[in-house]
């Protein structure tokens, strides 16, 4: 196996999936004298519509009304040893609009010719200095929360949020604590189940995943924790959980064998929370951001393809038998 391909191995020798850390960790700032100052039309967000980490960044870009401030470029849905490709399929670009690249890896090598690592999304690119600012989703979304506010109308700034922002100071300790265990057991937990290569590795992550979902269900039943995780306003915790749970019943449950329970049948509070966000239609969120950044069919196709790839199997889209259900992909808001 080549060194490039080796970074895409999904499990270590003990059968456990361990995510590699992101390597570009600079930040955009409101400060006009900073290395990467917040400016209109300077930055580009590269995403893949199937990736939940990229989904976070895409969702916050929409929630904050940054569509005319930060350019969006969509990679195709085929993951190769050289990262994501620009294929023109499933709403992606036929080529990178900045440089004509056909592979995301080319963007990484333009930023750093000696780069060694995975070519991941989201990737936040600076057109002025022609480099990657950051490829860590949790840091990108916090930049989007605050650093472009001077370029936005009042109602889209953090000061216009019902809780004082998506990451409000009084709740930061609680949000950070929830993010930590949700990331380990849920956001990353589904991958640790899906890409496990032996029974022990799989079960050692399956039960903690459902313990965490049980804990979230209980949390939503406590005073002050509805309709969203920390009350009446959407916070970062909701955003980070949403990109995983919107994929759960349609992909993780069957394709990744996270099948002890389903959100729709076994977690009534989580199901209601998820549907509140998906069907919001601008009542709480900006526009239809939660719904419009979702593509259920791509989740089924993409995770099936990723699972086959992790097992050393490759198939074209025409050769894959893609799960049809569950039906519907998500229940309507008024279902009890």
Protein backbone atom coordinates (compact mmCIF):
# COMPACT_ATOMS: atom_id res chain seq x y z
CA UNK A 1 0.00 0.00 0.00
CA UNK A 2 1.31 3.49 -0.83
CA UNK A 3 2.06 6.04 1.87
CA UNK A 4 -0.81 8.17 0.56
CA UNK A 5 -3.26 5.29 0.67
CA UNK A 6 -2.09 4.28 4.13
CA UNK A 7 -3.47 7.46 5.73
CA UNK A 8 -6.96 6.33 4.64
CA UNK A 9 -6.84 3.05 6.53
CA UNK A 10 -9.96 3.11 8.67
CA UNK A 11 -8.85 0.82 11.50
CA UNK A 12 -5.63 0.15 13.34
CA UNK A 13 -4.14 -3.30 13.92
CA UNK A 14 -6.36 -3.87 16.97
CA UNK A 15 -9.51 -3.30 14.86
CA UNK A 16 -10.26 0.12 16.40
CA UNK A 17 -10.99 3.22 14.30
CA UNK A 18 -8.96 6.25 15.47
CA UNK A 19 -9.47 9.61 13.78
CA UNK A 20 -6.33 11.51 12.82
CA UNK A 21 -6.04 15.14 14.00
CA UNK A 22 -6.42 18.06 11.60
CA UNK A 23 -3.18 19.82 10.67
CA UNK A 24 -4.08 23.36 9.54
CA UNK A 25 -5.14 25.34 12.60
CA UNK A 26 -4.95 29.07 11.84
CA UNK A 27 -7.91 31.38 12.39
CA UNK A 28 -9.81 34.19 10.71
CA UNK A 29 -10.19 37.21 12.97
CA UNK A 30 -12.21 40.44 13.18
CA UNK A 31 -8.90 42.21 13.76
CA UNK A 32 -7.99 43.91 10.45
CA UNK A 33 -4.30 43.58 11.32
CA UNK A 34 -4.46 39.81 11.89
CA UNK A 35 -2.87 37.20 9.65
CA UNK A 36 -6.28 36.26 8.26
CA UNK A 37 -8.66 39.23 8.70
CA UNK A 38 -12.38 38.79 8.05
CA UNK A 39 -13.07 40.10 4.56
CA UNK A 40 -15.84 39.57 2.01
CA UNK A 41 -15.00 37.32 -0.96
CA UNK A 42 -11.57 36.38 0.43
CA UNK A 43 -12.26 32.89 1.78
CA UNK A 44 -13.57 29.65 0.27
CA UNK A 45 -15.16 26.74 2.13
CA UNK A 46 -14.58 23.38 0.45
CA UNK A 47 -17.04 20.71 1.51
CA UNK A 48 -18.54 17.37 0.60
CA UNK A 49 -22.30 17.12 1.03
CA UNK A 50 -22.09 13.72 2.70
CA UNK A 51 -19.48 14.47 5.35
CA UNK A 52 -20.97 15.37 8.76
CA UNK A 53 -17.91 17.43 9.72
CA UNK A 54 -18.25 19.49 6.53
CA UNK A 55 -22.01 19.62 7.14
CA UNK A 56 -21.39 21.52 10.40
CA UNK A 57 -19.46 24.23 8.58
CA UNK A 58 -21.91 24.43 5.69
CA UNK A 59 -24.83 24.64 8.12
CA UNK A 60 -23.28 27.47 10.14
CA UNK A 61 -22.38 29.33 6.94
CA UNK A 62 -26.10 29.26 6.09
CA UNK A 63 -27.33 29.98 9.61
CA UNK A 64 -25.12 33.06 9.79
CA UNK A 65 -26.08 34.30 6.32
CA UNK A 66 -22.52 34.07 5.01
CA UNK A 67 -23.45 32.86 1.53
CA UNK A 68 -22.37 36.17 -0.05
CA UNK A 69 -19.31 36.48 2.17
CA UNK A 70 -17.63 33.05 2.07
CA UNK A 71 -17.60 31.16 -1.25
CA UNK A 72 -18.72 27.52 -1.21
CA UNK A 73 -17.15 24.79 -3.37
CA UNK A 74 -18.52 21.24 -3.35
CA UNK A 75 -16.28 18.23 -3.95
CA UNK A 76 -17.66 15.08 -5.49
CA UNK A 77 -18.67 12.05 -3.49
CA UNK A 78 -15.87 9.71 -4.54
CA UNK A 79 -13.08 9.30 -1.97
CA UNK A 80 -9.80 8.06 -3.42
CA UNK A 81 -6.26 7.66 -2.09
CA UNK A 82 -5.77 11.27 -3.18
CA UNK A 83 -8.82 12.52 -1.33
CA UNK A 84 -12.09 13.81 -2.73
CA UNK A 85 -12.45 14.39 -6.47
CA UNK A 86 -14.28 17.07 -8.41
CA UNK A 87 -16.57 14.93 -10.54
CA UNK A 88 -19.56 17.08 -11.46
CA UNK A 89 -21.85 14.42 -9.99
CA UNK A 90 -24.46 14.85 -7.25
CA UNK A 91 -24.24 18.64 -7.30
CA UNK A 92 -20.46 18.85 -7.09
CA UNK A 93 -18.13 20.98 -9.20
CA UNK A 94 -16.64 19.52 -12.38
CA UNK A 95 -13.34 21.11 -11.35
CA UNK A 96 -12.04 23.47 -8.71
CA UNK A 97 -13.23 26.95 -9.80
CA UNK A 98 -10.11 28.65 -8.44
CA UNK A 99 -7.33 26.64 -10.04
CA UNK A 100 -8.96 24.04 -12.26
CA UNK A 101 -7.87 21.22 -9.95
CA UNK A 102 -9.55 17.82 -10.29
CA UNK A 103 -8.54 16.53 -6.84
CA UNK A 104 -8.73 18.10 -3.40
CA UNK A 105 -5.20 16.83 -2.76
CA UNK A 106 -3.92 19.37 -5.29
CA UNK A 107 -5.24 22.18 -3.10
CA UNK A 108 -3.44 20.73 -0.08
CA UNK A 109 -0.17 20.45 -2.00
CA UNK A 110 -0.53 24.04 -3.22
CA UNK A 111 -0.75 25.11 0.43
CA UNK A 112 2.11 22.82 1.46
CA UNK A 113 4.11 20.87 -1.15
CA UNK A 114 5.44 18.62 1.64
CA UNK A 115 2.04 17.89 3.19
CA UNK A 116 1.61 14.40 4.59
CA UNK A 117 -1.81 13.48 5.85
CA UNK A 118 -5.44 13.09 4.85
CA UNK A 119 -7.11 15.46 2.40
CA UNK A 120 -10.21 16.25 4.42
CA UNK A 121 -13.22 18.54 4.33
CA UNK A 122 -14.18 21.06 5.47
CA UNK A 123 -11.21 23.02 4.17
CA UNK A 124 -11.14 26.79 4.62
CA UNK A 125 -9.01 28.43 1.92
CA UNK A 126 -7.60 31.97 1.71
CA UNK A 127 -7.56 33.29 -1.86
CA UNK A 128 -5.22 36.18 -1.01
CA UNK A 129 -2.33 34.20 0.49
CA UNK A 130 -3.28 31.02 -1.39
CA UNK A 131 -3.15 28.68 1.55
CA UNK A 132 -5.38 26.63 3.85
CA UNK A 133 -6.42 28.57 6.93
CA UNK A 134 -7.99 25.67 8.79
CA UNK A 135 -9.37 22.17 8.21
CA UNK A 136 -10.82 21.49 11.66
CA UNK A 137 -14.61 21.79 11.61
CA UNK A 138 -15.03 22.68 15.29
CA UNK A 139 -12.73 25.69 14.86
CA UNK A 140 -14.19 26.79 11.51
CA UNK A 141 -17.72 26.98 12.90
CA UNK A 142 -16.60 29.19 15.79
CA UNK A 143 -14.94 31.56 13.33
CA UNK A 144 -18.18 31.68 11.39
CA UNK A 145 -20.18 32.39 14.57
CA UNK A 146 -18.40 35.64 15.36
CA UNK A 147 -15.60 36.84 13.12
CA UNK A 148 -17.68 38.05 10.17
CA UNK A 149 -20.39 39.75 12.24
CA UNK A 150 -19.27 43.26 11.26
CA UNK A 151 -20.17 42.34 7.66
CA UNK A 152 -23.66 41.06 8.52
CA UNK A 153 -27.02 42.73 9.25
CA UNK A 154 -27.93 43.13 12.91
CA UNK A 155 -30.35 40.19 13.09
CA UNK A 156 -27.68 37.71 11.93
CA UNK A 157 -25.00 38.84 14.37
CA UNK A 158 -24.41 37.01 17.62
CA UNK A 159 -25.89 39.97 19.45
CA UNK A 160 -29.21 39.21 17.73
CA UNK A 161 -29.30 35.57 18.89
CA UNK A 162 -31.90 34.81 21.62
CA UNK A 163 -29.19 33.43 23.93
CA UNK A 164 -26.55 35.99 22.97
CA UNK A 165 -24.89 33.76 20.38
CA UNK A 166 -24.55 30.16 19.25
CA UNK A 167 -21.76 29.81 21.84
CA UNK A 168 -23.00 32.11 24.62
CA UNK A 169 -20.60 32.87 27.44
CA UNK A 170 -22.91 31.74 30.31
CA UNK A 171 -23.33 28.30 28.72
CA UNK A 172 -19.83 27.66 27.41
CA UNK A 173 -18.77 25.35 30.22
CA UNK A 174 -21.88 23.20 29.76
CA UNK A 175 -21.64 23.24 25.95
CA UNK A 176 -17.96 22.28 26.04
CA UNK A 177 -18.64 19.43 28.44
CA UNK A 178 -21.44 18.08 26.24
CA UNK A 179 -19.35 18.49 23.08
CA UNK A 180 -16.59 16.36 24.62
CA UNK A 181 -18.66 13.28 25.40
CA UNK A 182 -20.94 13.63 22.38
CA UNK A 183 -17.93 13.82 20.09
CA UNK A 184 -16.28 10.74 21.53
CA UNK A 185 -19.34 8.53 21.87
CA UNK A 186 -21.74 9.80 19.20
CA UNK A 187 -20.14 11.96 16.46
CA UNK A 188 -17.06 9.76 16.27
CA UNK A 189 -18.70 6.78 17.95
CA UNK A 190 -20.72 5.86 14.86
CA UNK A 191 -17.48 5.66 12.88
CA UNK A 192 -15.81 3.58 15.56
CA UNK A 193 -18.68 1.11 15.16
CA UNK A 194 -18.89 1.24 11.38
CA UNK A 195 -15.19 0.85 10.68
CA UNK A 196 -14.35 -1.66 13.43
CA UNK A 197 -12.76 -4.78 12.00
CA UNK A 198 -13.43 -7.25 14.78
CA UNK A 199 -16.33 -8.03 17.12
CA UNK A 200 -14.61 -6.77 20.23
CA UNK A 201 -13.76 -3.39 18.73
CA UNK A 202 -17.30 -3.04 17.40
CA UNK A 203 -19.08 -3.88 20.65
CA UNK A 204 -16.70 -1.82 22.77
CA UNK A 205 -17.98 1.26 20.92
CA UNK A 206 -21.58 0.22 20.19
CA UNK A 207 -22.78 0.17 23.79
CA UNK A 208 -21.18 3.53 24.74
CA UNK A 209 -22.86 5.04 21.67
CA UNK A 210 -26.31 4.03 22.87
CA UNK A 211 -25.50 4.94 26.47
CA UNK A 212 -24.74 8.44 25.16
CA UNK A 213 -28.00 8.56 23.18
CA UNK A 214 -29.87 7.48 26.33
CA UNK A 215 -28.11 10.28 28.20
CA UNK A 216 -29.16 12.83 25.55
CA UNK A 217 -32.75 11.59 25.71
CA UNK A 218 -32.73 12.10 29.49
CA UNK A 219 -31.10 15.53 29.13
CA UNK A 220 -33.90 16.75 26.85
CA UNK A 221 -36.45 15.77 29.49
CA UNK A 222 -34.85 17.96 32.16
CA UNK A 223 -35.97 21.48 33.01
CA UNK A 224 -34.56 24.15 30.70
CA UNK A 225 -33.44 21.64 28.06
CA UNK A 226 -36.13 22.01 25.43
CA UNK A 227 -36.97 22.46 22.67
CA UNK A 228 -33.21 22.58 22.10
CA UNK A 229 -30.37 21.14 24.14
CA UNK A 230 -29.95 24.27 26.25
CA UNK A 231 -33.39 25.81 26.10
CA UNK A 232 -35.15 28.12 23.69
CA UNK A 233 -32.18 28.99 21.50
CA UNK A 234 -30.09 26.84 19.14
CA UNK A 235 -26.48 26.51 20.27
CA UNK A 236 -23.28 24.95 18.99
CA UNK A 237 -24.21 21.74 20.84
CA UNK A 238 -27.36 21.38 18.71
CA UNK A 239 -25.42 21.98 15.50
CA UNK A 240 -22.71 19.46 16.32
CA UNK A 241 -25.22 16.77 17.27
CA UNK A 242 -27.57 17.46 14.35
CA UNK A 243 -25.07 16.56 11.63
CA UNK A 244 -24.73 13.09 13.15
CA UNK A 245 -28.33 12.34 14.11
CA UNK A 246 -29.79 13.45 10.77
CA UNK A 247 -27.73 10.60 9.26
CA UNK A 248 -28.46 8.06 11.99
CA UNK A 249 -31.62 6.24 10.91
CA UNK A 250 -30.86 6.38 7.18
CA UNK A 251 -27.20 5.34 7.27
CA UNK A 252 -25.53 4.62 10.60
CA UNK A 253 -28.29 2.31 11.84
CA UNK A 254 -28.02 -0.16 8.99
CA UNK A 255 -24.77 0.48 7.09
CA UNK A 256 -22.60 1.09 10.18
CA UNK A 257 -24.44 -1.53 12.29
CA UNK A 258 -25.50 1.03 14.92
CA UNK A 259 -28.68 -0.99 15.18
CA UNK A 260 -29.63 -1.48 18.81
CA UNK A 261 -32.23 1.27 18.46
CA UNK A 262 -33.50 3.91 16.01
CA UNK A 263 -33.96 7.59 16.76
CA UNK A 264 -37.52 7.66 15.34
CA UNK A 265 -38.82 4.64 17.26
CA UNK A 266 -36.83 4.55 20.50
CA UNK A 267 -35.94 8.14 21.39
CA UNK A 268 -39.10 10.30 21.32
CA UNK A 269 -37.44 13.43 22.71
CA UNK A 270 -34.43 13.19 20.39
CA UNK A 271 -36.77 12.51 17.47
CA UNK A 272 -38.81 15.61 18.29
CA UNK A 273 -35.61 17.68 18.72
CA UNK A 274 -34.30 16.48 15.35
CA UNK A 275 -37.58 17.20 13.57
CA UNK A 276 -37.86 20.65 15.19
CA UNK A 277 -34.55 21.56 13.59
CA UNK A 278 -35.11 19.91 10.22
CA UNK A 279 -38.59 21.38 9.71
CA UNK A 280 -37.81 24.76 11.29
CA UNK A 281 -38.40 26.66 8.02
CA UNK A 282 -37.01 29.91 9.37
CA UNK A 283 -39.05 30.14 12.56
CA UNK A 284 -35.94 29.93 14.76
CA UNK A 285 -33.05 29.44 12.35
CA UNK A 286 -32.08 31.55 9.36
CA UNK A 287 -34.12 30.34 6.41
CA UNK A 288 -34.28 26.59 5.85
CA UNK A 289 -30.64 25.97 6.74
CA UNK A 290 -31.15 22.72 8.64
CA UNK A 291 -33.28 21.15 5.91
CA UNK A 292 -31.53 22.60 2.88
CA UNK A 293 -28.08 21.30 3.84
CA UNK A 294 -29.34 17.68 4.03
CA UNK A 295 -29.31 15.03 1.29
CA UNK A 296 -30.54 11.66 2.58
CA UNK A 297 -29.85 9.69 -0.59
CA UNK A 298 -26.21 10.79 -0.61
CA UNK A 299 -25.81 9.59 2.98
CA UNK A 300 -27.03 6.11 2.04
CA UNK A 301 -24.86 5.95 -1.05
CA UNK A 302 -21.80 7.53 0.53
CA UNK A 303 -21.65 5.44 3.68
CA UNK A 304 -22.29 2.25 1.76
CA UNK A 305 -19.44 3.17 -0.58
CA UNK A 306 -17.18 4.09 2.35
CA UNK A 307 -17.96 0.83 4.11
CA UNK A 308 -17.15 -1.21 1.02
CA UNK A 309 -13.93 0.72 0.56
CA UNK A 310 -12.92 0.05 4.16
CA UNK A 311 -13.36 -3.65 3.45
CA UNK A 312 -11.16 -3.48 0.35
CA UNK A 313 -14.10 -3.60 -2.08
CA UNK A 314 -14.71 -1.08 -4.81
CA UNK A 315 -17.82 -0.62 -6.91
CA UNK A 316 -19.31 1.96 -9.20
CA UNK A 317 -22.58 3.64 -8.28
CA UNK A 318 -24.38 1.35 -10.74
CA UNK A 319 -23.01 -1.73 -8.94
CA UNK A 320 -24.07 -0.68 -5.45
CA UNK A 321 -27.40 -1.80 -4.04
CA UNK A 322 -28.35 1.29 -2.07
CA UNK A 323 -30.80 0.90 0.85
CA UNK A 324 -34.22 2.37 0.06
CA UNK A 325 -35.47 2.79 3.63
CA UNK A 326 -36.32 3.85 6.15
CA UNK A 327 -39.50 5.43 4.85
CA UNK A 328 -39.85 8.31 5.15
CA UNK A 329 -36.27 9.52 5.56
CA UNK A 330 -37.50 11.69 8.42
CA UNK A 331 -40.96 11.85 9.95
CA UNK A 332 -43.08 15.01 9.58
CA UNK A 333 -43.06 17.42 12.48
CA UNK A 334 -46.62 16.61 13.58
CA UNK A 335 -46.04 12.85 14.07
CA UNK A 336 -46.35 11.98 17.75
